[in-house]
Amino acid sequence: MSGATMVDIDFGGEFEPFFCPFCGHRIINPETIEAGSTPCQHVEFIYVDVAGEFDFVKTQLHPTVEKLMNDPEGDTWGILDSGNLKKMPDDMVIFGLTTSGMACGPVSSTVSVALRLNVGS
């Protein structure tokens, strides 16, 4: 078992629309930088690093992902570390969508979108 695959996409400036590569449903709306009103069936979770919380979590998560999310020893961001990625389903792809810019100095934000190809398994 190799686990989930992490794909980092750096938009540089502003967020661009992000669509599910499996079904084409829009997941990220660049005007609001939030999940679409109803994420497609492939979305397991959406994590926003600036807020330090999940914007969306599927009602019926894969058991391994649910266990990692509810680990009292772990932290929220730690779910995406390489050791935990190896424990996740092989058909999961997590896109790290990063934007950056300047405020009083350089700033960046990453929205992590976890998708599963084999929905229901």
PDB file of N, CA and C in Angstrom:
ATOM      1  N   MET A   1       0.842  -1.177   0.000  1.00  0.00           N
ATOM      2  CA  MET A   1       0.000   0.000   0.000  1.00  0.00           C
ATOM      3  C   MET A   1       0.885   1.237   0.000  1.00  0.00           C
ATOM      4  N   SER A   2       0.720   2.096  -0.993  1.00  0.00           N
ATOM      5  CA  SER A   2       1.549   3.296  -1.092  1.00  0.00           C
ATOM      6  C   SER A   2       0.886   4.516  -0.481  1.00  0.00           C
ATOM      7  N   GLY A   3      -0.429   4.519  -0.342  1.00  0.00           N
ATOM      8  CA  GLY A   3      -1.126   5.639   0.287  1.00  0.00           C
ATOM      9  C   GLY A   3      -1.537   6.722  -0.686  1.00  0.00           C
ATOM     10  N   ALA A   4      -1.961   7.837  -0.102  1.00  0.00           N
ATOM     11  CA  ALA A   4      -2.450   8.977  -0.887  1.00  0.00           C
ATOM     12  C   ALA A   4      -1.295   9.677  -1.592  1.00  0.00           C
ATOM     13  N   THR A   5      -1.632  10.351  -2.675  1.00  0.00           N
ATOM     14  CA  THR A   5      -0.665  11.136  -3.435  1.00  0.00           C
ATOM     15  C   THR A   5      -0.931  12.610  -3.174  1.00  0.00           C
ATOM     16  N   MET A   6       0.122  13.379  -2.905  1.00  0.00           N
ATOM     17  CA  MET A   6       0.000  14.820  -2.684  1.00  0.00           C
ATOM     18  C   MET A   6       0.485  15.538  -3.932  1.00  0.00           C
ATOM     19  N   VAL A   7      -0.342  16.470  -4.444  1.00  0.00           N
ATOM     20  CA  VAL A   7       0.011  17.261  -5.617  1.00  0.00           C
ATOM     21  C   VAL A   7      -0.074  18.730  -5.220  1.00  0.00           C
ATOM     22  N   ASP A   8       1.048  19.436  -5.277  1.00  0.00           N
ATOM     23  CA  ASP A   8       1.071  20.851  -4.921  1.00  0.00           C
ATOM     24  C   ASP A   8       0.948  21.704  -6.174  1.00  0.00           C
ATOM     25  N   ILE A   9       0.013  22.659  -6.125  1.00  0.00           N
ATOM     26  CA  ILE A   9      -0.179  23.596  -7.229  1.00  0.00           C
ATOM     27  C   ILE A   9      -0.052  24.998  -6.663  1.00  0.00           C
ATOM     28  N   ASP A  10       0.921  25.748  -7.154  1.00  0.00           N
ATOM     29  CA  ASP A  10       1.130  27.124  -6.689  1.00  0.00           C
ATOM     30  C   ASP A  10       0.570  28.074  -7.743  1.00  0.00           C
ATOM     31  N   PHE A  11      -0.535  28.737  -7.399  1.00  0.00           N
ATOM     32  CA  PHE A  11      -1.159  29.680  -8.331  1.00  0.00           C
ATOM     33  C   PHE A  11      -0.375  30.984  -8.413  1.00  0.00           C
ATOM     34  N   GLY A  12       0.538  31.207  -7.485  1.00  0.00           N
ATOM     35  CA  GLY A  12       1.324  32.440  -7.482  1.00  0.00           C
ATOM     36  C   GLY A  12       0.526  33.579  -6.896  1.00  0.00           C
ATOM     37  N   GLY A  13      -0.414  34.092  -7.625  1.00  0.00           N
ATOM     38  CA  GLY A  13      -1.221  35.223  -7.157  1.00  0.00           C
ATOM     39  C   GLY A  13      -2.537  34.759  -6.579  1.00  0.00           C
ATOM     40  N   GLU A  14      -3.609  35.077  -7.267  1.00  0.00           N
ATOM     41  CA  GLU A  14      -4.945  34.769  -6.777  1.00  0.00           C
ATOM     42  C   GLU A  14      -5.343  33.326  -7.086  1.00  0.00           C
ATOM     43  N   PHE A  15      -6.336  32.838  -6.315  1.00  0.00           N
ATOM     44  CA  PHE A  15      -6.883  31.514  -6.581  1.00  0.00           C
ATOM     45  C   PHE A  15      -7.517  31.474  -7.967  1.00  0.00           C
ATOM     46  N   GLU A  16      -7.363  30.360  -8.616  1.00  0.00           N
ATOM     47  CA  GLU A  16      -8.023  30.084  -9.885  1.00  0.00           C
ATOM     48  C   GLU A  16      -9.138  29.077  -9.592  1.00  0.00           C
ATOM     49  N   PRO A  17     -10.117  28.976 -10.464  1.00  0.00           N
ATOM     50  CA  PRO A  17     -11.133  27.939 -10.249  1.00  0.00           C
ATOM     51  C   PRO A  17     -10.467  26.565 -10.209  1.00  0.00           C
ATOM     52  N   PHE A  18     -10.979  25.680  -9.373  1.00  0.00           N
ATOM     53  CA  PHE A  18     -10.449  24.324  -9.291  1.00  0.00           C
ATOM     54  C   PHE A  18     -11.605  23.353  -9.486  1.00  0.00           C
ATOM     55  N   PHE A  19     -11.447  22.474 -10.457  1.00  0.00           N
ATOM     56  CA  PHE A  19     -12.489  21.522 -10.819  1.00  0.00           C
ATOM     57  C   PHE A  19     -12.027  20.102 -10.502  1.00  0.00           C
ATOM     58  N   CYS A  20     -12.970  19.243 -10.143  1.00  0.00           N
ATOM     59  CA  CYS A  20     -12.660  17.840  -9.877  1.00  0.00           C
ATOM     60  C   CYS A  20     -12.116  17.208 -11.159  1.00  0.00           C
ATOM     61  N   PRO A  21     -10.922  16.600 -11.099  1.00  0.00           N
ATOM     62  CA  PRO A  21     -10.364  15.978 -12.306  1.00  0.00           C
ATOM     63  C   PRO A  21     -11.098  14.704 -12.713  1.00  0.00           C
ATOM     64  N   PHE A  22     -11.960  14.177 -11.840  1.00  0.00           N
ATOM     65  CA  PHE A  22     -12.679  12.946 -12.143  1.00  0.00           C
ATOM     66  C   PHE A  22     -14.038  13.197 -12.799  1.00  0.00           C
ATOM     67  N   CYS A  23     -14.768  14.247 -12.340  1.00  0.00           N
ATOM     68  CA  CYS A  23     -16.114  14.481 -12.871  1.00  0.00           C
ATOM     69  C   CYS A  23     -16.323  15.887 -13.432  1.00  0.00           C
ATOM     70  N   GLY A  24     -15.380  16.816 -13.200  1.00  0.00           N
ATOM     71  CA  GLY A  24     -15.482  18.157 -13.747  1.00  0.00           C
ATOM     72  C   GLY A  24     -16.255  19.155 -12.896  1.00  0.00           C
ATOM     73  N   HIS A  25     -16.764  18.746 -11.742  1.00  0.00           N
ATOM     74  CA  HIS A  25     -17.521  19.645 -10.860  1.00  0.00           C
ATOM     75  C   HIS A  25     -16.594  20.723 -10.283  1.00  0.00           C
ATOM     76  N   ARG A  26     -17.061  21.985 -10.244  1.00  0.00           N
ATOM     77  CA  ARG A  26     -16.243  23.052  -9.655  1.00  0.00           C
ATOM     78  C   ARG A  26     -16.212  22.876  -8.132  1.00  0.00           C
ATOM     79  N   ILE A  27     -15.001  22.799  -7.581  1.00  0.00           N
ATOM     80  CA  ILE A  27     -14.828  22.613  -6.143  1.00  0.00           C
ATOM     81  C   ILE A  27     -14.462  23.924  -5.467  1.00  0.00           C
ATOM     82  N   ILE A  28     -13.562  24.687  -6.076  1.00  0.00           N
ATOM     83  CA  ILE A  28     -13.134  25.967  -5.510  1.00  0.00           C
ATOM     84  C   ILE A  28     -13.680  27.095  -6.370  1.00  0.00           C
ATOM     85  N   ASN A  29     -14.333  28.034  -5.711  1.00  0.00           N
ATOM     86  CA  ASN A  29     -14.848  29.233  -6.361  1.00  0.00           C
ATOM     87  C   ASN A  29     -13.881  30.365  -6.044  1.00  0.00           C
ATOM     88  N   PRO A  30     -13.163  30.905  -7.026  1.00  0.00           N
ATOM     89  CA  PRO A  30     -12.138  31.915  -6.732  1.00  0.00           C
ATOM     90  C   PRO A  30     -12.693  33.223  -6.171  1.00  0.00           C
ATOM     91  N   GLU A  31     -13.974  33.494  -6.392  1.00  0.00           N
ATOM     92  CA  GLU A  31     -14.542  34.733  -5.848  1.00  0.00           C
ATOM     93  C   GLU A  31     -14.682  34.670  -4.337  1.00  0.00           C
ATOM     94  N   THR A  32     -14.913  33.482  -3.798  1.00  0.00           N
ATOM     95  CA  THR A  32     -15.133  33.350  -2.357  1.00  0.00           C
ATOM     96  C   THR A  32     -14.047  32.552  -1.660  1.00  0.00           C
ATOM     97  N   ILE A  33     -13.205  31.866  -2.424  1.00  0.00           N
ATOM     98  CA  ILE A  33     -12.162  30.982  -1.898  1.00  0.00           C
ATOM     99  C   ILE A  33     -12.759  30.003  -0.889  1.00  0.00           C
ATOM    100  N   GLU A  34     -13.902  29.467  -1.245  1.00  0.00           N
ATOM    101  CA  GLU A  34     -14.569  28.466  -0.422  1.00  0.00           C
ATOM    102  C   GLU A  34     -14.957  27.292  -1.292  1.00  0.00           C
ATOM    103  N   ALA A  35     -15.368  26.237  -0.634  1.00  0.00           N
ATOM    104  CA  ALA A  35     -15.849  25.084  -1.381  1.00  0.00           C
ATOM    105  C   ALA A  35     -17.134  25.463  -2.104  1.00  0.00           C
ATOM    106  N   GLY A  36     -17.418  24.779  -3.198  1.00  0.00           N
ATOM    107  CA  GLY A  36     -18.682  24.984  -3.885  1.00  0.00           C
ATOM    108  C   GLY A  36     -19.825  24.647  -2.941  1.00  0.00           C
ATOM    109  N   SER A  37     -21.020  25.037  -3.275  1.00  0.00           N
ATOM    110  CA  SER A  37     -22.147  24.833  -2.377  1.00  0.00           C
ATOM    111  C   SER A  37     -22.381  23.349  -2.087  1.00  0.00           C
ATOM    112  N   THR A  38     -22.175  22.495  -3.068  1.00  0.00           N
ATOM    113  CA  THR A  38     -22.305  21.056  -2.859  1.00  0.00           C
ATOM    114  C   THR A  38     -21.123  20.365  -3.528  1.00  0.00           C
ATOM    115  N   PRO A  39     -20.074  20.038  -2.767  1.00  0.00           N
ATOM    116  CA  PRO A  39     -18.924  19.353  -3.362  1.00  0.00           C
ATOM    117  C   PRO A  39     -19.355  18.040  -4.011  1.00  0.00           C
ATOM    118  N   CYS A  40     -18.642  17.635  -5.034  1.00  0.00           N
ATOM    119  CA  CYS A  40     -18.974  16.392  -5.721  1.00  0.00           C
ATOM    120  C   CYS A  40     -18.688  15.191  -4.826  1.00  0.00           C
ATOM    121  N   GLN A  41     -19.120  14.039  -5.291  1.00  0.00           N
ATOM    122  CA  GLN A  41     -18.982  12.801  -4.516  1.00  0.00           C
ATOM    123  C   GLN A  41     -17.530  12.385  -4.283  1.00  0.00           C
ATOM    124  N   HIS A  42     -16.584  12.932  -5.042  1.00  0.00           N
ATOM    125  CA  HIS A  42     -15.181  12.545  -4.911  1.00  0.00           C
ATOM    126  C   HIS A  42     -14.460  13.256  -3.763  1.00  0.00           C
ATOM    127  N   VAL A  43     -15.007  14.356  -3.265  1.00  0.00           N
ATOM    128  CA  VAL A  43     -14.331  15.151  -2.233  1.00  0.00           C
ATOM    129  C   VAL A  43     -14.477  14.481  -0.866  1.00  0.00           C
ATOM    130  N   GLU A  44     -13.340  14.160  -0.240  1.00  0.00           N
ATOM    131  CA  GLU A  44     -13.328  13.606   1.118  1.00  0.00           C
ATOM    132  C   GLU A  44     -13.290  14.735   2.146  1.00  0.00           C
ATOM    133  N   PHE A  45     -12.380  15.687   1.927  1.00  0.00           N
ATOM    134  CA  PHE A  45     -12.319  16.843   2.826  1.00  0.00           C
ATOM    135  C   PHE A  45     -11.634  18.003   2.136  1.00  0.00           C
ATOM    136  N   ILE A  46     -11.890  19.199   2.681  1.00  0.00           N
ATOM    137  CA  ILE A  46     -11.217  20.419   2.244  1.00  0.00           C
ATOM    138  C   ILE A  46     -10.680  21.076   3.511  1.00  0.00           C
ATOM    139  N   TYR A  47      -9.358  21.300   3.547  1.00  0.00           N
ATOM    140  CA  TYR A  47      -8.701  21.888   4.715  1.00  0.00           C
ATOM    141  C   TYR A  47      -8.110  23.241   4.334  1.00  0.00           C
ATOM    142  N   VAL A  48      -8.388  24.264   5.152  1.00  0.00           N
ATOM    143  CA  VAL A  48      -7.877  25.615   4.915  1.00  0.00           C
ATOM    144  C   VAL A  48      -6.830  25.917   5.985  1.00  0.00           C
ATOM    145  N   ASP A  49      -5.566  26.084   5.560  1.00  0.00           N
ATOM    146  CA  ASP A  49      -4.487  26.250   6.544  1.00  0.00           C
ATOM    147  C   ASP A  49      -4.565  27.560   7.324  1.00  0.00           C
ATOM    148  N   VAL A  50      -5.008  28.649   6.685  1.00  0.00           N
ATOM    149  CA  VAL A  50      -5.070  29.936   7.383  1.00  0.00           C
ATOM    150  C   VAL A  50      -6.045  29.867   8.555  1.00  0.00           C
ATOM    151  N   ALA A  51      -7.173  29.210   8.343  1.00  0.00           N
ATOM    152  CA  ALA A  51      -8.171  29.065   9.398  1.00  0.00           C
ATOM    153  C   ALA A  51      -7.793  27.941  10.361  1.00  0.00           C
ATOM    154  N   GLY A  52      -6.958  27.010   9.892  1.00  0.00           N
ATOM    155  CA  GLY A  52      -6.571  25.877  10.724  1.00  0.00           C
ATOM    156  C   GLY A  52      -7.723  24.919  10.958  1.00  0.00           C
ATOM    157  N   GLU A  53      -8.624  24.829   9.986  1.00  0.00           N
ATOM    158  CA  GLU A  53      -9.779  23.953  10.158  1.00  0.00           C
ATOM    159  C   GLU A  53     -10.258  23.411   8.816  1.00  0.00           C
ATOM    160  N   PHE A  54     -11.139  22.431   8.921  1.00  0.00           N
ATOM    161  CA  PHE A  54     -11.718  21.824   7.735  1.00  0.00           C
ATOM    162  C   PHE A  54     -12.930  22.635   7.294  1.00  0.00           C
ATOM    163  N   ASP A  55     -12.966  22.993   6.009  1.00  0.00           N
ATOM    164  CA  ASP A  55     -14.090  23.721   5.439  1.00  0.00           C
ATOM    165  C   ASP A  55     -15.207  22.748   5.068  1.00  0.00           C
ATOM    166  N   PHE A  56     -14.815  21.522   4.728  1.00  0.00           N
ATOM    167  CA  PHE A  56     -15.778  20.486   4.374  1.00  0.00           C
ATOM    168  C   PHE A  56     -15.203  19.142   4.772  1.00  0.00           C
ATOM    169  N   VAL A  57     -16.053  18.286   5.337  1.00  0.00           N
ATOM    170  CA  VAL A  57     -15.671  16.907   5.640  1.00  0.00           C
ATOM    171  C   VAL A  57     -16.836  16.025   5.211  1.00  0.00           C
ATOM    172  N   LYS A  58     -16.535  15.028   4.404  1.00  0.00           N
ATOM    173  CA  LYS A  58     -17.563  14.109   3.914  1.00  0.00           C
ATOM    174  C   LYS A  58     -18.231  13.411   5.093  1.00  0.00           C
ATOM    175  N   THR A  59     -19.524  13.215   4.997  1.00  0.00           N
ATOM    176  CA  THR A  59     -20.279  12.570   6.073  1.00  0.00           C
ATOM    177  C   THR A  59     -19.753  11.169   6.356  1.00  0.00           C
ATOM    178  N   GLN A  60     -19.517  10.383   5.316  1.00  0.00           N
ATOM    179  CA  GLN A  60     -19.005   9.028   5.493  1.00  0.00           C
ATOM    180  C   GLN A  60     -17.584   8.948   4.943  1.00  0.00           C
ATOM    181  N   LEU A  61     -16.632   9.301   5.803  1.00  0.00           N
ATOM    182  CA  LEU A  61     -15.218   9.255   5.418  1.00  0.00           C
ATOM    183  C   LEU A  61     -14.729   7.818   5.337  1.00  0.00           C
ATOM    184  N   HIS A  62     -13.645   7.620   4.574  1.00  0.00           N
ATOM    185  CA  HIS A  62     -12.938   6.340   4.598  1.00  0.00           C
ATOM    186  C   HIS A  62     -12.500   6.115   6.049  1.00  0.00           C
ATOM    187  N   PRO A  63     -12.657   4.906   6.611  1.00  0.00           N
ATOM    188  CA  PRO A  63     -12.339   4.662   8.028  1.00  0.00           C
ATOM    189  C   PRO A  63     -10.934   5.097   8.449  1.00  0.00           C
ATOM    190  N   THR A  64      -9.929   4.906   7.595  1.00  0.00           N
ATOM    191  CA  THR A  64      -8.559   5.297   7.939  1.00  0.00           C
ATOM    192  C   THR A  64      -8.449   6.813   8.074  1.00  0.00           C
ATOM    193  N   VAL A  65      -9.074   7.547   7.159  1.00  0.00           N
ATOM    194  CA  VAL A  65      -9.030   9.009   7.200  1.00  0.00           C
ATOM    195  C   VAL A  65      -9.758   9.510   8.448  1.00  0.00           C
ATOM    196  N   GLU A  66     -10.906   8.913   8.746  1.00  0.00           N
ATOM    197  CA  GLU A  66     -11.665   9.317   9.938  1.00  0.00           C
ATOM    198  C   GLU A  66     -10.848   9.092  11.211  1.00  0.00           C
ATOM    199  N   LYS A  67     -10.144   7.970  11.280  1.00  0.00           N
ATOM    200  CA  LYS A  67      -9.311   7.668  12.445  1.00  0.00           C
ATOM    201  C   LYS A  67      -8.198   8.718  12.598  1.00  0.00           C
ATOM    202  N   LEU A  68      -7.555   9.096  11.499  1.00  0.00           N
ATOM    203  CA  LEU A  68      -6.491  10.099  11.558  1.00  0.00           C
ATOM    204  C   LEU A  68      -7.035  11.469  11.975  1.00  0.00           C
ATOM    205  N   MET A  69      -8.230  11.815  11.496  1.00  0.00           N
ATOM    206  CA  MET A  69      -8.818  13.115  11.830  1.00  0.00           C
ATOM    207  C   MET A  69      -9.222  13.196  13.301  1.00  0.00           C
ATOM    208  N   ASN A  70      -9.570  12.055  13.878  1.00  0.00           N
ATOM    209  CA  ASN A  70     -10.038  12.035  15.271  1.00  0.00           C
ATOM    210  C   ASN A  70      -8.969  11.608  16.261  1.00  0.00           C
ATOM    211  N   ASP A  71      -7.712  11.542  15.821  1.00  0.00           N
ATOM    212  CA  ASP A  71      -6.609  11.136  16.688  1.00  0.00           C
ATOM    213  C   ASP A  71      -6.345  12.213  17.739  1.00  0.00           C
ATOM    214  N   PRO A  72      -6.569  11.906  19.023  1.00  0.00           N
ATOM    215  CA  PRO A  72      -6.357  12.918  20.061  1.00  0.00           C
ATOM    216  C   PRO A  72      -4.888  13.323  20.213  1.00  0.00           C
ATOM    217  N   GLU A  73      -3.975  12.487  19.742  1.00  0.00           N
ATOM    218  CA  GLU A  73      -2.546  12.781  19.833  1.00  0.00           C
ATOM    219  C   GLU A  73      -2.062  13.677  18.696  1.00  0.00           C
ATOM    220  N   GLY A  74      -2.815  13.689  17.592  1.00  0.00           N
ATOM    221  CA  GLY A  74      -2.376  14.427  16.403  1.00  0.00           C
ATOM    222  C   GLY A  74      -2.919  15.844  16.380  1.00  0.00           C
ATOM    223  N   ASP A  75      -2.363  16.646  15.471  1.00  0.00           N
ATOM    224  CA  ASP A  75      -2.913  17.981  15.259  1.00  0.00           C
ATOM    225  C   ASP A  75      -3.595  17.990  13.892  1.00  0.00           C
ATOM    226  N   THR A  76      -4.415  18.979  13.649  1.00  0.00           N
ATOM    227  CA  THR A  76      -5.203  19.015  12.424  1.00  0.00           C
ATOM    228  C   THR A  76      -4.319  19.011  11.188  1.00  0.00           C
ATOM    229  N   TRP A  77      -3.297  19.866  11.138  1.00  0.00           N
ATOM    230  CA  TRP A  77      -2.430  19.955   9.969  1.00  0.00           C
ATOM    231  C   TRP A  77      -1.630  18.666   9.786  1.00  0.00           C
ATOM    232  N   GLY A  78      -1.357  17.952  10.869  1.00  0.00           N
ATOM    233  CA  GLY A  78      -0.574  16.728  10.810  1.00  0.00           C
ATOM    234  C   GLY A  78      -1.192  15.628   9.983  1.00  0.00           C
ATOM    235  N   ILE A  79      -2.491  15.741   9.708  1.00  0.00           N
ATOM    236  CA  ILE A  79      -3.131  14.719   8.880  1.00  0.00           C
ATOM    237  C   ILE A  79      -2.495  14.664   7.500  1.00  0.00           C
ATOM    238  N   LEU A  80      -1.857  15.751   7.079  1.00  0.00           N
ATOM    239  CA  LEU A  80      -1.263  15.805   5.744  1.00  0.00           C
ATOM    240  C   LEU A  80       0.239  15.513   5.734  1.00  0.00           C
ATOM    241  N   ASP A  81       0.809  15.079   6.849  1.00  0.00           N
ATOM    242  CA  ASP A  81       2.244  14.784   6.818  1.00  0.00           C
ATOM    243  C   ASP A  81       2.487  13.451   6.101  1.00  0.00           C
ATOM    244  N   SER A  82       3.711  13.237   5.677  1.00  0.00           N
ATOM    245  CA  SER A  82       4.019  12.091   4.808  1.00  0.00           C
ATOM    246  C   SER A  82       3.715  10.746   5.456  1.00  0.00           C
ATOM    247  N   GLY A  83       3.913  10.631   6.766  1.00  0.00           N
ATOM    248  CA  GLY A  83       3.602   9.369   7.446  1.00  0.00           C
ATOM    249  C   GLY A  83       2.122   9.042   7.384  1.00  0.00           C
ATOM    250  N   ASN A  84       1.283  10.046   7.550  1.00  0.00           N
ATOM    251  CA  ASN A  84      -0.162   9.824   7.482  1.00  0.00           C
ATOM    252  C   ASN A  84      -0.642   9.611   6.052  1.00  0.00           C
ATOM    253  N   LEU A  85      -0.013  10.268   5.080  1.00  0.00           N
ATOM    254  CA  LEU A  85      -0.395  10.061   3.686  1.00  0.00           C
ATOM    255  C   LEU A  85      -0.239   8.593   3.294  1.00  0.00           C
ATOM    256  N   LYS A  86       0.778   7.928   3.831  1.00  0.00           N
ATOM    257  CA  LYS A  86       1.015   6.511   3.524  1.00  0.00           C
ATOM    258  C   LYS A  86      -0.077   5.612   4.081  1.00  0.00           C
ATOM    259  N   LYS A  87      -0.783   6.078   5.120  1.00  0.00           N
ATOM    260  CA  LYS A  87      -1.854   5.291   5.735  1.00  0.00           C
ATOM    261  C   LYS A  87      -3.194   5.469   5.030  1.00  0.00           C
ATOM    262  N   MET A  88      -3.292   6.467   4.176  1.00  0.00           N
ATOM    263  CA  MET A  88      -4.559   6.770   3.509  1.00  0.00           C
ATOM    264  C   MET A  88      -4.764   5.876   2.291  1.00  0.00           C
ATOM    265  N   PRO A  89      -5.996   5.834   1.776  1.00  0.00           N
ATOM    266  CA  PRO A  89      -6.290   4.965   0.625  1.00  0.00           C
ATOM    267  C   PRO A  89      -5.439   5.298  -0.601  1.00  0.00           C
ATOM    268  N   ASP A  90      -5.075   4.262  -1.353  1.00  0.00           N
ATOM    269  CA  ASP A  90      -4.245   4.428  -2.552  1.00  0.00           C
ATOM    270  C   ASP A  90      -4.924   5.266  -3.630  1.00  0.00           C
ATOM    271  N   ASP A  91      -6.250   5.290  -3.632  1.00  0.00           N
ATOM    272  CA  ASP A  91      -6.966   6.027  -4.674  1.00  0.00           C
ATOM    273  C   ASP A  91      -7.238   7.484  -4.277  1.00  0.00           C
ATOM    274  N   MET A  92      -6.600   7.972  -3.212  1.00  0.00           N
ATOM    275  CA  MET A  92      -6.804   9.354  -2.768  1.00  0.00           C
ATOM    276  C   MET A  92      -5.699  10.251  -3.313  1.00  0.00           C
ATOM    277  N   VAL A  93      -6.118  11.418  -3.826  1.00  0.00           N
ATOM    278  CA  VAL A  93      -5.195  12.444  -4.273  1.00  0.00           C
ATOM    279  C   VAL A  93      -5.536  13.715  -3.509  1.00  0.00           C
ATOM    280  N   ILE A  94      -4.520  14.330  -2.905  1.00  0.00           N
ATOM    281  CA  ILE A  94      -4.733  15.571  -2.165  1.00  0.00           C
ATOM    282  C   ILE A  94      -4.027  16.689  -2.912  1.00  0.00           C
ATOM    283  N   PHE A  95      -4.807  17.655  -3.362  1.00  0.00           N
ATOM    284  CA  PHE A  95      -4.270  18.814  -4.067  1.00  0.00           C
ATOM    285  C   PHE A  95      -4.049  19.936  -3.066  1.00  0.00           C
ATOM    286  N   GLY A  96      -2.807  20.401  -2.950  1.00  0.00           N
ATOM    287  CA  GLY A  96      -2.478  21.557  -2.121  1.00  0.00           C
ATOM    288  C   GLY A  96      -2.462  22.780  -3.016  1.00  0.00           C
ATOM    289  N   LEU A  97      -3.495  23.603  -2.932  1.00  0.00           N
ATOM    290  CA  LEU A  97      -3.659  24.773  -3.801  1.00  0.00           C
ATOM    291  C   LEU A  97      -3.175  26.003  -3.057  1.00  0.00           C
ATOM    292  N   THR A  98      -2.062  26.585  -3.487  1.00  0.00           N
ATOM    293  CA  THR A  98      -1.427  27.681  -2.766  1.00  0.00           C
ATOM    294  C   THR A  98      -1.484  28.987  -3.551  1.00  0.00           C
ATOM    295  N   THR A  99      -1.786  30.056  -2.834  1.00  0.00           N
ATOM    296  CA  THR A  99      -1.708  31.404  -3.398  1.00  0.00           C
ATOM    297  C   THR A  99      -0.739  32.197  -2.539  1.00  0.00           C
ATOM    298  N   SER A 100      -0.188  33.245  -3.101  1.00  0.00           N
ATOM    299  CA  SER A 100       0.739  34.075  -2.340  1.00  0.00           C
ATOM    300  C   SER A 100       0.622  35.519  -2.805  1.00  0.00           C
ATOM    301  N   GLY A 101       1.129  36.397  -1.970  1.00  0.00           N
ATOM    302  CA  GLY A 101       1.101  37.813  -2.292  1.00  0.00           C
ATOM    303  C   GLY A 101       1.846  38.599  -1.239  1.00  0.00           C
ATOM    304  N   MET A 102       1.576  39.888  -1.195  1.00  0.00           N
ATOM    305  CA  MET A 102       2.240  40.772  -0.231  1.00  0.00           C
ATOM    306  C   MET A 102       1.190  41.485   0.613  1.00  0.00           C
ATOM    307  N   ALA A 103       1.445  41.569   1.901  1.00  0.00           N
ATOM    308  CA  ALA A 103       0.645  42.395   2.816  1.00  0.00           C
ATOM    309  C   ALA A 103       1.667  43.320   3.462  1.00  0.00           C
ATOM    310  N   CYS A 104       1.959  43.111   4.726  1.00  0.00           N
ATOM    311  CA  CYS A 104       3.069  43.829   5.378  1.00  0.00           C
ATOM    312  C   CYS A 104       4.361  43.051   5.175  1.00  0.00           C
ATOM    313  N   GLY A 105       4.294  42.054   4.335  1.00  0.00           N
ATOM    314  CA  GLY A 105       5.387  41.163   4.003  1.00  0.00           C
ATOM    315  C   GLY A 105       4.783  40.044   3.177  1.00  0.00           C
ATOM    316  N   PRO A 106       5.575  39.046   2.818  1.00  0.00           N
ATOM    317  CA  PRO A 106       5.027  37.958   2.006  1.00  0.00           C
ATOM    318  C   PRO A 106       4.003  37.135   2.799  1.00  0.00           C
ATOM    319  N   VAL A 107       2.907  36.788   2.153  1.00  0.00           N
ATOM    320  CA  VAL A 107       1.871  35.952   2.762  1.00  0.00           C
ATOM    321  C   VAL A 107       1.483  34.852   1.780  1.00  0.00           C
ATOM    322  N   SER A 108       1.020  33.739   2.319  1.00  0.00           N
ATOM    323  CA  SER A 108       0.534  32.664   1.455  1.00  0.00           C
ATOM    324  C   SER A 108      -0.573  31.913   2.181  1.00  0.00           C
ATOM    325  N   SER A 109      -1.353  31.198   1.415  1.00  0.00           N
ATOM    326  CA  SER A 109      -2.449  30.396   1.947  1.00  0.00           C
ATOM    327  C   SER A 109      -2.567  29.138   1.105  1.00  0.00           C
ATOM    328  N   THR A 110      -2.833  28.016   1.762  1.00  0.00           N
ATOM    329  CA  THR A 110      -3.008  26.750   1.056  1.00  0.00           C
ATOM    330  C   THR A 110      -4.346  26.135   1.435  1.00  0.00           C
ATOM    331  N   VAL A 111      -5.095  25.753   0.426  1.00  0.00           N
ATOM    332  CA  VAL A 111      -6.332  24.996   0.610  1.00  0.00           C
ATOM    333  C   VAL A 111      -6.041  23.589   0.109  1.00  0.00           C
ATOM    334  N   SER A 112      -6.214  22.592   0.973  1.00  0.00           N
ATOM    335  CA  SER A 112      -5.958  21.204   0.604  1.00  0.00           C
ATOM    336  C   SER A 112      -7.277  20.505   0.316  1.00  0.00           C
ATOM    337  N   VAL A 113      -7.386  19.955  -0.892  1.00  0.00           N
ATOM    338  CA  VAL A 113      -8.601  19.282  -1.335  1.00  0.00           C
ATOM    339  C   VAL A 113      -8.275  17.805  -1.532  1.00  0.00           C
ATOM    340  N   ALA A 114      -8.912  16.935  -0.728  1.00  0.00           N
ATOM    341  CA  ALA A 114      -8.689  15.494  -0.830  1.00  0.00           C
ATOM    342  C   ALA A 114      -9.800  14.866  -1.657  1.00  0.00           C
ATOM    343  N   LEU A 115      -9.408  14.150  -2.709  1.00  0.00           N
ATOM    344  CA  LEU A 115     -10.359  13.508  -3.619  1.00  0.00           C
ATOM    345  C   LEU A 115     -10.098  12.011  -3.665  1.00  0.00           C
ATOM    346  N   ARG A 116     -11.168  11.247  -3.866  1.00  0.00           N
ATOM    347  CA  ARG A 116     -11.033   9.794  -4.053  1.00  0.00           C
ATOM    348  C   ARG A 116     -11.655   9.375  -5.359  1.00  0.00           C
ATOM    349  N   LEU A 117     -10.935   8.566  -6.107  1.00  0.00           N
ATOM    350  CA  LEU A 117     -11.422   8.065  -7.384  1.00  0.00           C
ATOM    351  C   LEU A 117     -12.519   7.016  -7.170  1.00  0.00           C
ATOM    352  N   ASN A 118     -12.271   6.054  -6.312  1.00  0.00           N
ATOM    353  CA  ASN A 118     -13.207   4.951  -6.083  1.00  0.00           C
ATOM    354  C   ASN A 118     -14.154   5.303  -4.942  1.00  0.00           C
ATOM    355  N   VAL A 119     -15.144   6.096  -5.243  1.00  0.00           N
ATOM    356  CA  VAL A 119     -16.106   6.540  -4.240  1.00  0.00           C
ATOM    357  C   VAL A 119     -16.879   5.345  -3.714  1.00  0.00           C
ATOM    358  N   GLY A 120     -17.011   5.286  -2.385  1.00  0.00           N
ATOM    359  CA  GLY A 120     -17.782   4.208  -1.754  1.00  0.00           C
ATOM    360  C   GLY A 120     -16.957   3.009  -1.368  1.00  0.00           C
ATOM    361  N   SER A 121     -15.651   3.023  -1.616  1.00  0.00           N
ATOM    362  CA  SER A 121     -14.837   1.861  -1.228  1.00  0.00           C
ATOM    363  C   SER A 121     -13.929   2.206  -0.072  1.00  0.00           C
TER     364      SER A 121
END
